[in-house]
Structure formats: structure tokens, C-alpha cells
Amino acid sequence: MAFTNRYQDPIVYTVCELLNVTQGEIASKSRLRKLSVARCLISYFLRRDTSMSLLEIGQVFGGRDHSTVIYQINQYKDLYATDKHFRSLADKIQSRLVHYDQKRSKYRI
């Protein structure tokens, strides 16, 4: 999977690492719960933290449609509001991304 946006790589890597999934699995057509949750998290953070379009985010997942990405982002919001485990996972990802961004900006010239 090629990363075209400088923020895309850390988001995908962090989610894959925490959920113990591969980037290839993310792009697959599998509907396993852990993969759909990973896609949901990646979609939300890519949309929030990058300038990627819905279509570009869909390409990260093997060419999914923009409406699928919208559905995943809405699913994130619903799960975040109702599922404590999901909220904890999303907060952990957010924390790692903030840490990564601070670390990256520390070494900027």
C-alpha cells in the first residue's frame, strides 16, 4: 500500500499496530469485526487530520467508495458515543498520534 500523504502513514501504522492487523488486511474485502473497526478508526483520523478527500481515503482501503468512507466515519461517532472499549482505543490512538506529531515537530528545522 503506497502512502501519498505524509500524515497517512503514521495513522494507518498506529491503528494496525494497536489492533494487530496488517495493512494488507485493511485493504482486503474481509468483513471481520476487528478489520471493520480498524477501517472505521483510520477513516475518521485520516478525514480529521489530513486534507485527503473521501475518495482518496477509500483508496487506502482497496478502492472503496466515498459513501463507504462516510458510513465508516459515522460508525466511528456512534461507537465512540456508546462503546467504552472503542472510546478507550480511539483515545489511545489519538494520544499516540499527538505524541508522534510532537516528536516529529521537535526535529523540524
Protein backbone atom coordinates (compact mmCIF):
# COMPACT_ATOMS: atom_id res chain seq x y z
CA MET A 1 0.00 0.00 0.00
CA ALA A 2 1.55 3.29 -1.08
CA PHE A 3 1.16 6.31 1.14
CA THR A 4 0.66 9.57 -0.69
CA ASN A 5 0.09 11.86 2.26
CA ARG A 6 2.77 12.45 4.89
CA TYR A 7 0.25 12.00 7.73
CA GLN A 8 -1.39 8.91 6.29
CA ASP A 9 1.43 6.51 7.16
CA PRO A 10 1.52 7.12 10.95
CA ILE A 11 -2.27 6.91 11.23
CA VAL A 12 -2.51 3.62 9.37
CA TYR A 13 0.56 2.23 11.15
CA THR A 14 -0.69 3.17 14.63
CA VAL A 15 -4.14 1.65 14.11
CA CYS A 16 -2.70 -1.52 12.57
CA GLU A 17 -0.21 -1.90 15.40
CA LEU A 18 -2.79 -1.47 18.17
CA LEU A 19 -5.35 -3.78 16.56
CA ASN A 20 -2.74 -6.32 15.43
CA VAL A 21 -3.79 -6.24 11.78
CA THR A 22 -1.76 -5.77 8.61
CA GLN A 23 -2.12 -3.06 6.02
CA GLY A 24 -2.99 -5.76 3.51
CA GLU A 25 -5.87 -6.91 5.69
CA ILE A 26 -7.13 -3.33 5.88
CA ALA A 27 -7.29 -3.20 2.07
CA SER A 28 -8.94 -6.63 1.83
CA LYS A 29 -12.66 -7.25 1.36
CA SER A 30 -12.89 -9.11 4.69
CA ARG A 31 -15.73 -8.05 6.99
CA LEU A 32 -14.17 -9.30 10.24
CA ARG A 33 -15.09 -7.04 13.14
CA LYS A 34 -11.51 -6.10 14.01
CA LEU A 35 -10.90 -5.09 10.39
CA SER A 36 -14.08 -3.04 10.12
CA VAL A 37 -13.20 -1.29 13.40
CA ALA A 38 -9.69 -0.60 12.09
CA ARG A 39 -11.09 0.85 8.85
CA CYS A 40 -13.52 2.95 10.85
CA LEU A 41 -10.72 4.39 13.01
CA ILE A 42 -8.42 5.02 10.06
CA SER A 43 -11.21 6.72 8.08
CA TYR A 44 -12.04 9.04 10.94
CA PHE A 45 -8.45 10.06 11.72
CA LEU A 46 -7.49 10.47 8.04
CA ARG A 47 -10.51 12.69 7.44
CA ARG A 48 -9.90 14.70 10.60
CA ASP A 49 -6.12 15.04 10.41
CA THR A 50 -5.40 15.23 6.67
CA SER A 51 -6.69 17.03 3.63
CA MET A 52 -7.49 13.74 1.91
CA SER A 53 -10.80 13.54 0.08
CA LEU A 54 -13.31 10.78 0.81
CA LEU A 55 -12.32 9.12 -2.47
CA GLU A 56 -8.63 9.20 -1.54
CA ILE A 57 -9.39 7.67 1.85
CA GLY A 58 -11.39 4.96 0.09
CA GLN A 59 -8.32 4.15 -2.00
CA VAL A 60 -6.42 3.33 1.20
CA PHE A 61 -8.92 0.52 1.71
CA GLY A 62 -8.51 -1.03 -1.70
CA GLY A 63 -10.69 1.32 -3.72
CA ARG A 64 -13.78 1.64 -1.58
CA ASP A 65 -16.47 4.14 -2.49
CA HIS A 66 -16.76 7.59 -0.86
CA SER A 67 -20.11 6.58 0.64
CA THR A 68 -18.38 3.70 2.44
CA VAL A 69 -15.96 6.18 3.99
CA ILE A 70 -18.85 8.39 5.10
CA TYR A 71 -20.51 5.34 6.67
CA GLN A 72 -17.25 4.44 8.49
CA ILE A 73 -16.88 7.96 9.88
CA ASN A 74 -20.48 7.93 11.12
CA GLN A 75 -19.89 4.49 12.62
CA TYR A 76 -16.89 5.93 14.49
CA LYS A 77 -19.07 8.66 16.00
CA ASP A 78 -21.75 6.16 17.05
CA LEU A 79 -19.28 3.70 18.57
CA TYR A 80 -17.35 6.46 20.34
CA ALA A 81 -20.57 7.62 22.00
CA THR A 82 -21.79 4.17 23.06
CA ASP A 83 -18.87 1.73 23.42
CA LYS A 84 -16.39 2.29 26.27
CA HIS A 85 -13.82 -0.14 24.83
CA PHE A 86 -13.93 1.58 21.43
CA ARG A 87 -13.65 5.01 23.07
CA SER A 88 -10.60 3.84 25.02
CA LEU A 89 -9.00 2.51 21.85
CA ALA A 90 -9.73 5.73 19.92
CA ASP A 91 -8.29 7.83 22.76
CA LYS A 92 -5.16 5.67 22.83
CA ILE A 93 -4.70 6.16 19.08
CA GLN A 94 -5.25 9.90 19.47
CA SER A 95 -2.63 10.01 22.23
CA ARG A 96 -0.08 8.16 20.09
CA LEU A 97 -0.73 10.42 17.13
CA VAL A 98 -0.28 13.54 19.26
CA HIS A 99 2.95 12.05 20.65
CA TYR A 100 4.13 11.26 17.11
CA ASP A 101 3.32 14.78 15.91
CA GLN A 102 5.17 16.37 18.85
CA LYS A 103 8.16 14.12 18.25
CA ARG A 104 8.15 14.96 14.53
CA SER A 105 7.91 18.72 15.10
CA LYS A 106 10.74 18.56 17.65
CA TYR A 107 13.15 17.59 14.88
CA ARG A 108 11.93 20.07 12.27
CA ILE A 109 14.39 22.69 11.11
